[in-house]
Amino acid sequence: TWNDRTLELVGLDDHEASSHHPLAARRKDRR
C-alpha cells in the first residue's frame, strides 16, 4: 500500500522455514 516507502525483511537466514514459500513461518534455535 506504500507509494513512497520501501520495506525490507532481514535476519531470516539462520531460521528454519516451514516450507519454500517466501512468507512461510520460521523458527530459530534459541542458542
PDB file of all heavy atoms in Angstrom:
ATOM      1  N   THR A   1       0.823  -1.220   0.000  1.00  0.00           N
ATOM      2  CA  THR A   1       0.000   0.000   0.000  1.00  0.00           C
ATOM      3  C   THR A   1       0.854   1.266   0.000  1.00  0.00           C
ATOM      4  O   THR A   1       0.314   2.369  -0.065  1.00  0.00           O
ATOM      5  CB  THR A   1      -0.939   0.023   1.225  1.00  0.00           C
ATOM      6  OG1 THR A   1      -0.148   0.114   2.427  1.00  0.00           O
ATOM      7  CG2 THR A   1      -1.804  -1.225   1.268  1.00  0.00           C
ATOM      8  N   TRP A   2       2.172   1.108   0.096  1.00  0.00           N
ATOM      9  CA  TRP A   2       3.065   2.266   0.150  1.00  0.00           C
ATOM     10  C   TRP A   2       3.461   2.710  -1.253  1.00  0.00           C
ATOM     11  O   TRP A   2       3.762   1.904  -2.116  1.00  0.00           O
ATOM     12  CB  TRP A   2       4.330   1.939   0.937  1.00  0.00           C
ATOM     13  CG  TRP A   2       4.108   1.676   2.400  1.00  0.00           C
ATOM     14  CD1 TRP A   2       2.986   1.957   3.119  1.00  0.00           C
ATOM     15  CD2 TRP A   2       5.030   1.081   3.318  1.00  0.00           C
ATOM     16  NE1 TRP A   2       3.143   1.578   4.424  1.00  0.00           N
ATOM     17  CE2 TRP A   2       4.397   1.041   4.578  1.00  0.00           C
ATOM     18  CE3 TRP A   2       6.327   0.596   3.204  1.00  0.00           C
ATOM     19  CZ2 TRP A   2       5.014   0.511   5.715  1.00  0.00           C
ATOM     20  CZ3 TRP A   2       6.954   0.069   4.338  1.00  0.00           C
ATOM     21  CH2 TRP A   2       6.312   0.035   5.573  1.00  0.00           C
ATOM     22  N   ASN A   3       3.481   4.002  -1.451  1.00  0.00           N
ATOM     23  CA  ASN A   3       3.929   4.571  -2.727  1.00  0.00           C
ATOM     24  C   ASN A   3       5.327   5.163  -2.634  1.00  0.00           C
ATOM     25  O   ASN A   3       6.095   5.137  -3.596  1.00  0.00           O
ATOM     26  CB  ASN A   3       2.951   5.656  -3.205  1.00  0.00           C
ATOM     27  CG  ASN A   3       1.601   5.089  -3.614  1.00  0.00           C
ATOM     28  OD1 ASN A   3       1.537   4.041  -4.248  1.00  0.00           O
ATOM     29  ND2 ASN A   3       0.521   5.774  -3.246  1.00  0.00           N
ATOM     30  N   ASP A   4       5.681   5.719  -1.480  1.00  0.00           N
ATOM     31  CA  ASP A   4       6.950   6.445  -1.337  1.00  0.00           C
ATOM     32  C   ASP A   4       7.830   5.866  -0.235  1.00  0.00           C
ATOM     33  O   ASP A   4       8.646   6.558   0.365  1.00  0.00           O
ATOM     34  CB  ASP A   4       6.681   7.923  -1.049  1.00  0.00           C
ATOM     35  CG  ASP A   4       5.773   8.116   0.165  1.00  0.00           C
ATOM     36  OD1 ASP A   4       5.316   7.100   0.737  1.00  0.00           O
ATOM     37  OD2 ASP A   4       5.526   9.279   0.530  1.00  0.00           O
ATOM     38  N   ARG A   5       7.644   4.587   0.059  1.00  0.00           N
ATOM     39  CA  ARG A   5       8.409   3.954   1.123  1.00  0.00           C
ATOM     40  C   ARG A   5       8.613   2.483   0.777  1.00  0.00           C
ATOM     41  O   ARG A   5       7.731   1.853   0.190  1.00  0.00           O
ATOM     42  CB  ARG A   5       7.676   4.111   2.453  1.00  0.00           C
ATOM     43  CG  ARG A   5       8.372   3.516   3.647  1.00  0.00           C
ATOM     44  CD  ARG A   5       7.553   3.739   4.907  1.00  0.00           C
ATOM     45  NE  ARG A   5       7.604   5.130   5.363  1.00  0.00           N
ATOM     46  CZ  ARG A   5       6.944   5.581   6.424  1.00  0.00           C
ATOM     47  NH1 ARG A   5       6.163   4.765   7.112  1.00  0.00           N
ATOM     48  NH2 ARG A   5       7.032   6.842   6.781  1.00  0.00           N
ATOM     49  N   THR A   6       9.780   1.932   1.124  1.00  0.00           N
ATOM     50  CA  THR A   6      10.049   0.520   0.844  1.00  0.00           C
ATOM     51  C   THR A   6      10.213  -0.250   2.144  1.00  0.00           C
ATOM     52  O   THR A   6      10.562   0.327   3.191  1.00  0.00           O
ATOM     53  CB  THR A   6      11.323   0.349  -0.001  1.00  0.00           C
ATOM     54  OG1 THR A   6      12.440   0.873   0.718  1.00  0.00           O
ATOM     55  CG2 THR A   6      11.182   1.045  -1.340  1.00  0.00           C
ATOM     56  N   LEU A   7       9.987  -1.555   2.084  1.00  0.00           N
ATOM     57  CA  LEU A   7      10.119  -2.426   3.249  1.00  0.00           C
ATOM     58  C   LEU A   7      11.081  -3.562   2.933  1.00  0.00           C
ATOM     59  O   LEU A   7      10.990  -4.178   1.864  1.00  0.00           O
ATOM     60  CB  LEU A   7       8.751  -3.007   3.635  1.00  0.00           C
ATOM     61  CG  LEU A   7       8.765  -4.043   4.764  1.00  0.00           C
ATOM     62  CD1 LEU A   7       9.073  -3.367   6.100  1.00  0.00           C
ATOM     63  CD2 LEU A   7       7.426  -4.768   4.846  1.00  0.00           C
ATOM     64  N   GLU A   8      12.001  -3.831   3.853  1.00  0.00           N
ATOM     65  CA  GLU A   8      12.915  -4.960   3.720  1.00  0.00           C
ATOM     66  C   GLU A   8      12.820  -5.827   4.974  1.00  0.00           C
ATOM     67  O   GLU A   8      12.813  -5.310   6.100  1.00  0.00           O
ATOM     68  CB  GLU A   8      14.357  -4.477   3.548  1.00  0.00           C
ATOM     69  CG  GLU A   8      14.637  -3.789   2.229  1.00  0.00           C
ATOM     70  CD  GLU A   8      16.094  -3.385   2.103  1.00  0.00           C
ATOM     71  OE1 GLU A   8      16.951  -4.146   2.604  1.00  0.00           O
ATOM     72  OE2 GLU A   8      16.368  -2.304   1.545  1.00  0.00           O
ATOM     73  N   LEU A   9      12.736  -7.146   4.786  1.00  0.00           N
ATOM     74  CA  LEU A   9      12.724  -8.096   5.897  1.00  0.00           C
ATOM     75  C   LEU A   9      14.065  -8.803   5.911  1.00  0.00           C
ATOM     76  O   LEU A   9      14.448  -9.465   4.943  1.00  0.00           O
ATOM     77  CB  LEU A   9      11.578  -9.110   5.717  1.00  0.00           C
ATOM     78  CG  LEU A   9      10.176  -8.525   5.528  1.00  0.00           C
ATOM     79  CD1 LEU A   9       9.148  -9.642   5.371  1.00  0.00           C
ATOM     80  CD2 LEU A   9       9.799  -7.619   6.699  1.00  0.00           C
ATOM     81  N   VAL A  10      14.807  -8.662   6.987  1.00  0.00           N
ATOM     82  CA  VAL A  10      16.148  -9.237   7.078  1.00  0.00           C
ATOM     83  C   VAL A  10      16.259 -10.063   8.359  1.00  0.00           C
ATOM     84  O   VAL A  10      15.346 -10.100   9.192  1.00  0.00           O
ATOM     85  CB  VAL A  10      17.232  -8.134   7.056  1.00  0.00           C
ATOM     86  CG1 VAL A  10      17.132  -7.314   5.782  1.00  0.00           C
ATOM     87  CG2 VAL A  10      17.117  -7.241   8.289  1.00  0.00           C
ATOM     88  N   GLY A  11      17.405 -10.741   8.488  1.00  0.00           N
ATOM     89  CA  GLY A  11      17.658 -11.520   9.696  1.00  0.00           C
ATOM     90  C   GLY A  11      16.967 -12.864   9.730  1.00  0.00           C
ATOM     91  O   GLY A  11      16.768 -13.440  10.808  1.00  0.00           O
ATOM     92  N   LEU A  12      16.605 -13.394   8.566  1.00  0.00           N
ATOM     93  CA  LEU A  12      15.889 -14.668   8.499  1.00  0.00           C
ATOM     94  C   LEU A  12      16.760 -15.810   7.980  1.00  0.00           C
ATOM     95  O   LEU A  12      16.295 -16.952   7.903  1.00  0.00           O
ATOM     96  CB  LEU A  12      14.648 -14.526   7.608  1.00  0.00           C
ATOM     97  CG  LEU A  12      13.556 -13.574   8.112  1.00  0.00           C
ATOM     98  CD1 LEU A  12      12.498 -13.370   7.033  1.00  0.00           C
ATOM     99  CD2 LEU A  12      12.923 -14.110   9.381  1.00  0.00           C
ATOM    100  N   ASP A  13      18.010 -15.530   7.643  1.00  0.00           N
ATOM    101  CA  ASP A  13      18.853 -16.545   7.011  1.00  0.00           C
ATOM    102  C   ASP A  13      19.130 -17.738   7.922  1.00  0.00           C
ATOM    103  O   ASP A  13      19.292 -18.866   7.456  1.00  0.00           O
ATOM    104  CB  ASP A  13      20.176 -15.925   6.560  1.00  0.00           C
ATOM    105  CG  ASP A  13      19.991 -14.937   5.425  1.00  0.00           C
ATOM    106  OD1 ASP A  13      18.925 -15.000   4.767  1.00  0.00           O
ATOM    107  OD2 ASP A  13      20.878 -14.092   5.202  1.00  0.00           O
ATOM    108  N   ASP A  14      19.219 -17.509   9.236  1.00  0.00           N
ATOM    109  CA  ASP A  14      19.539 -18.591  10.170  1.00  0.00           C
ATOM    110  C   ASP A  14      18.290 -19.296  10.702  1.00  0.00           C
ATOM    111  O   ASP A  14      18.391 -20.190  11.540  1.00  0.00           O
ATOM    112  CB  ASP A  14      20.347 -18.052  11.361  1.00  0.00           C
ATOM    113  CG  ASP A  14      21.724 -17.577  10.939  1.00  0.00           C
ATOM    114  OD1 ASP A  14      22.257 -18.148   9.965  1.00  0.00           O
ATOM    115  OD2 ASP A  14      22.255 -16.630  11.562  1.00  0.00           O
ATOM    116  N   HIS A  15      17.119 -18.880  10.218  1.00  0.00           N
ATOM    117  CA  HIS A  15      15.858 -19.505  10.662  1.00  0.00           C
ATOM    118  C   HIS A  15      15.528 -20.714   9.785  1.00  0.00           C
ATOM    119  O   HIS A  15      15.878 -20.749   8.602  1.00  0.00           O
ATOM    120  CB  HIS A  15      14.694 -18.513  10.589  1.00  0.00           C
ATOM    121  CG  HIS A  15      14.751 -17.434  11.614  1.00  0.00           C
ATOM    122  ND1 HIS A  15      15.665 -16.402  11.557  1.00  0.00           N
ATOM    123  CD2 HIS A  15      14.003 -17.208  12.731  1.00  0.00           C
ATOM    124  CE1 HIS A  15      15.477 -15.588  12.586  1.00  0.00           C
ATOM    125  NE2 HIS A  15      14.484 -16.051  13.314  1.00  0.00           N
ATOM    126  N   GLU A  16      14.852 -21.663  10.366  1.00  0.00           N
ATOM    127  CA  GLU A  16      14.350 -22.826   9.624  1.00  0.00           C
ATOM    128  C   GLU A  16      12.933 -22.529   9.142  1.00  0.00           C
ATOM    129  O   GLU A  16      12.037 -22.294   9.950  1.00  0.00           O
ATOM    130  CB  GLU A  16      14.338 -24.067  10.514  1.00  0.00           C
ATOM    131  CG  GLU A  16      13.797 -25.308   9.823  1.00  0.00           C
ATOM    132  CD  GLU A  16      13.639 -26.486  10.765  1.00  0.00           C
ATOM    133  OE1 GLU A  16      14.092 -26.380  11.929  1.00  0.00           O
ATOM    134  OE2 GLU A  16      13.035 -27.504  10.352  1.00  0.00           O
ATOM    135  N   ALA A  17      12.752 -22.499   7.831  1.00  0.00           N
ATOM    136  CA  ALA A  17      11.439 -22.204   7.252  1.00  0.00           C
ATOM    137  C   ALA A  17      10.584 -23.465   7.209  1.00  0.00           C
ATOM    138  O   ALA A  17      11.095 -24.575   6.997  1.00  0.00           O
ATOM    139  CB  ALA A  17      11.587 -21.629   5.855  1.00  0.00           C
ATOM    140  N   SER A  18       9.277 -23.315   7.396  1.00  0.00           N
ATOM    141  CA  SER A  18       8.374 -24.469   7.384  1.00  0.00           C
ATOM    142  C   SER A  18       8.085 -24.954   5.967  1.00  0.00           C
ATOM    143  O   SER A  18       7.526 -26.033   5.784  1.00  0.00           O
ATOM    144  CB  SER A  18       7.063 -24.123   8.094  1.00  0.00           C
ATOM    145  OG  SER A  18       6.418 -23.025   7.459  1.00  0.00           O
ATOM    146  N   SER A  19       8.442 -24.153   4.958  1.00  0.00           N
ATOM    147  CA  SER A  19       8.281 -24.551   3.557  1.00  0.00           C
ATOM    148  C   SER A  19       9.132 -23.630   2.695  1.00  0.00           C
ATOM    149  O   SER A  19       9.824 -22.746   3.213  1.00  0.00           O
ATOM    150  CB  SER A  19       6.809 -24.469   3.127  1.00  0.00           C
ATOM    151  OG  SER A  19       6.410 -23.121   2.930  1.00  0.00           O
ATOM    152  N   HIS A  20       9.049 -23.824   1.387  1.00  0.00           N
ATOM    153  CA  HIS A  20       9.805 -22.972   0.462  1.00  0.00           C
ATOM    154  C   HIS A  20       9.058 -21.684   0.123  1.00  0.00           C
ATOM    155  O   HIS A  20       9.567 -20.851  -0.630  1.00  0.00           O
ATOM    156  CB  HIS A  20      10.111 -23.735  -0.828  1.00  0.00           C
ATOM    157  CG  HIS A  20      11.024 -24.911  -0.626  1.00  0.00           C
ATOM    158  ND1 HIS A  20      12.329 -24.765  -0.214  1.00  0.00           N
ATOM    159  CD2 HIS A  20      10.812 -26.247  -0.762  1.00  0.00           C
ATOM    160  CE1 HIS A  20      12.901 -25.955  -0.111  1.00  0.00           C
ATOM    161  NE2 HIS A  20      11.999 -26.876  -0.438  1.00  0.00           N
ATOM    162  N   HIS A  21       7.871 -21.520   0.662  1.00  0.00           N
ATOM    163  CA  HIS A  21       7.088 -20.301   0.400  1.00  0.00           C
ATOM    164  C   HIS A  21       7.832 -19.088   0.975  1.00  0.00           C
ATOM    165  O   HIS A  21       8.362 -19.152   2.091  1.00  0.00           O
ATOM    166  CB  HIS A  21       5.703 -20.430   1.035  1.00  0.00           C
ATOM    167  CG  HIS A  21       4.731 -19.386   0.590  1.00  0.00           C
ATOM    168  ND1 HIS A  21       4.714 -18.119   1.116  1.00  0.00           N
ATOM    169  CD2 HIS A  21       3.731 -19.428  -0.332  1.00  0.00           C
ATOM    170  CE1 HIS A  21       3.750 -17.416   0.543  1.00  0.00           C
ATOM    171  NE2 HIS A  21       3.147 -18.184  -0.344  1.00  0.00           N
ATOM    172  N   PRO A  22       7.891 -17.971   0.237  1.00  0.00           N
ATOM    173  CA  PRO A  22       8.648 -16.807   0.724  1.00  0.00           C
ATOM    174  C   PRO A  22       8.117 -16.227   2.031  1.00  0.00           C
ATOM    175  O   PRO A  22       8.867 -15.564   2.756  1.00  0.00           O
ATOM    176  CB  PRO A  22       8.527 -15.790  -0.428  1.00  0.00           C
ATOM    177  CG  PRO A  22       7.353 -16.253  -1.231  1.00  0.00           C
ATOM    178  CD  PRO A  22       7.335 -17.733  -1.117  1.00  0.00           C
ATOM    179  N   LEU A  23       6.860 -16.473   2.346  1.00  0.00           N
ATOM    180  CA  LEU A  23       6.271 -15.939   3.573  1.00  0.00           C
ATOM    181  C   LEU A  23       5.989 -17.038   4.598  1.00  0.00           C
ATOM    182  O   LEU A  23       5.179 -16.869   5.501  1.00  0.00           O
ATOM    183  CB  LEU A  23       4.972 -15.179   3.254  1.00  0.00           C
ATOM    184  CG  LEU A  23       5.104 -14.002   2.284  1.00  0.00           C
ATOM    185  CD1 LEU A  23       3.743 -13.378   2.015  1.00  0.00           C
ATOM    186  CD2 LEU A  23       6.062 -12.952   2.833  1.00  0.00           C
ATOM    187  N   ALA A  24       6.661 -18.175   4.453  1.00  0.00           N
ATOM    188  CA  ALA A  24       6.454 -19.293   5.375  1.00  0.00           C
ATOM    189  C   ALA A  24       6.926 -18.928   6.783  1.00  0.00           C
ATOM    190  O   ALA A  24       7.846 -18.120   6.967  1.00  0.00           O
ATOM    191  CB  ALA A  24       7.207 -20.524   4.883  1.00  0.00           C
ATOM    192  N   ALA A  25       6.277 -19.526   7.795  1.00  0.00           N
ATOM    193  CA  ALA A  25       6.688 -19.319   9.182  1.00  0.00           C
ATOM    194  C   ALA A  25       8.112 -19.829   9.372  1.00  0.00           C
ATOM    195  O   ALA A  25       8.553 -20.762   8.701  1.00  0.00           O
ATOM    196  CB  ALA A  25       5.734 -20.055  10.116  1.00  0.00           C
ATOM    197  N   ARG A  26       8.801 -19.206  10.317  1.00  0.00           N
ATOM    198  CA  ARG A  26      10.193 -19.575  10.563  1.00  0.00           C
ATOM    199  C   ARG A  26      10.462 -19.680  12.066  1.00  0.00           C
ATOM    200  O   ARG A  26       9.858 -18.967  12.865  1.00  0.00           O
ATOM    201  CB  ARG A  26      11.127 -18.538   9.937  1.00  0.00           C
ATOM    202  CG  ARG A  26      11.163 -18.590   8.415  1.00  0.00           C
ATOM    203  CD  ARG A  26      11.760 -17.324   7.844  1.00  0.00           C
ATOM    204  NE  ARG A  26      12.095 -17.445   6.441  1.00  0.00           N
ATOM    205  CZ  ARG A  26      11.213 -17.343   5.439  1.00  0.00           C
ATOM    206  NH1 ARG A  26       9.938 -17.112   5.707  1.00  0.00           N
ATOM    207  NH2 ARG A  26      11.599 -17.463   4.183  1.00  0.00           N
ATOM    208  N   ARG A  27      11.385 -20.567  12.399  1.00  0.00           N
ATOM    209  CA  ARG A  27      11.821 -20.685  13.790  1.00  0.00           C
ATOM    210  C   ARG A  27      13.333 -20.836  13.827  1.00  0.00           C
ATOM    211  O   ARG A  27      13.957 -21.272  12.861  1.00  0.00           O
ATOM    212  CB  ARG A  27      11.130 -21.865  14.471  1.00  0.00           C
ATOM    213  CG  ARG A  27      11.422 -23.216  13.854  1.00  0.00           C
ATOM    214  CD  ARG A  27      10.680 -24.300  14.594  1.00  0.00           C
ATOM    215  NE  ARG A  27      10.885 -25.605  13.970  1.00  0.00           N
ATOM    216  CZ  ARG A  27      10.370 -26.726  14.437  1.00  0.00           C
ATOM    217  NH1 ARG A  27       9.607 -26.695  15.510  1.00  0.00           N
ATOM    218  NH2 ARG A  27      10.598 -27.882  13.825  1.00  0.00           N
ATOM    219  N   LYS A  28      13.891 -20.518  15.004  1.00  0.00           N
ATOM    220  CA  LYS A  28      15.343 -20.500  15.143  1.00  0.00           C
ATOM    221  C   LYS A  28      15.724 -21.107  16.487  1.00  0.00           C
ATOM    222  O   LYS A  28      15.052 -20.877  17.499  1.00  0.00           O
ATOM    223  CB  LYS A  28      15.828 -19.050  15.047  1.00  0.00           C
ATOM    224  CG  LYS A  28      17.328 -18.849  15.044  1.00  0.00           C
ATOM    225  CD  LYS A  28      17.618 -17.355  14.852  1.00  0.00           C
ATOM    226  CE  LYS A  28      19.106 -17.086  14.713  1.00  0.00           C
ATOM    227  NZ  LYS A  28      19.375 -15.647  14.513  1.00  0.00           N
ATOM    228  N   ASP A  29      16.799 -21.869  16.490  1.00  0.00           N
ATOM    229  CA  ASP A  29      17.305 -22.442  17.738  1.00  0.00           C
ATOM    230  C   ASP A  29      17.661 -21.311  18.693  1.00  0.00           C
ATOM    231  O   ASP A  29      18.395 -20.392  18.328  1.00  0.00           O
ATOM    232  CB  ASP A  29      18.548 -23.283  17.433  1.00  0.00           C
ATOM    233  CG  ASP A  29      18.969 -24.133  18.628  1.00  0.00           C
ATOM    234  OD1 ASP A  29      18.899 -23.632  19.765  1.00  0.00           O
ATOM    235  OD2 ASP A  29      19.377 -25.291  18.397  1.00  0.00           O
ATOM    236  N   ARG A  30      17.160 -21.376  19.917  1.00  0.00           N
ATOM    237  CA  ARG A  30      17.387 -20.287  20.871  1.00  0.00           C
ATOM    238  C   ARG A  30      18.875 -20.027  21.100  1.00  0.00           C
ATOM    239  O   ARG A  30      19.281 -18.906  21.394  1.00  0.00           O
ATOM    240  CB  ARG A  30      16.725 -20.607  22.214  1.00  0.00           C
ATOM    241  CG  ARG A  30      15.217 -20.600  22.181  1.00  0.00           C
ATOM    242  CD  ARG A  30      14.685 -20.581  23.584  1.00  0.00           C
ATOM    243  NE  ARG A  30      13.222 -20.691  23.575  1.00  0.00           N
ATOM    244  CZ  ARG A  30      12.459 -20.277  24.573  1.00  0.00           C
ATOM    245  NH1 ARG A  30      13.006 -19.746  25.629  1.00  0.00           N
ATOM    246  NH2 ARG A  30      11.153 -20.414  24.513  1.00  0.00           N
ATOM    247  N   ARG A  31      19.674 -21.067  20.969  1.00  0.00           N
ATOM    248  CA  ARG A  31      21.104 -20.898  21.211  1.00  0.00           C
ATOM    249  C   ARG A  31      21.756 -19.990  20.174  1.00  0.00           C
ATOM    250  O   ARG A  31      22.861 -19.478  20.373  1.00  0.00           O
ATOM    251  CB  ARG A  31      21.787 -22.266  21.204  1.00  0.00           C
ATOM    252  CG  ARG A  31      21.407 -23.143  22.396  1.00  0.00           C
ATOM    253  CD  ARG A  31      21.906 -24.562  22.219  1.00  0.00           C
ATOM    254  NE  ARG A  31      21.313 -25.194  21.049  1.00  0.00           N
ATOM    255  CZ  ARG A  31      21.567 -26.445  20.693  1.00  0.00           C
ATOM    256  NH1 ARG A  31      22.418 -27.188  21.387  1.00  0.00           N
ATOM    257  NH2 ARG A  31      20.993 -26.964  19.626  1.00  0.00           N
TER     258      ARG A  31
END
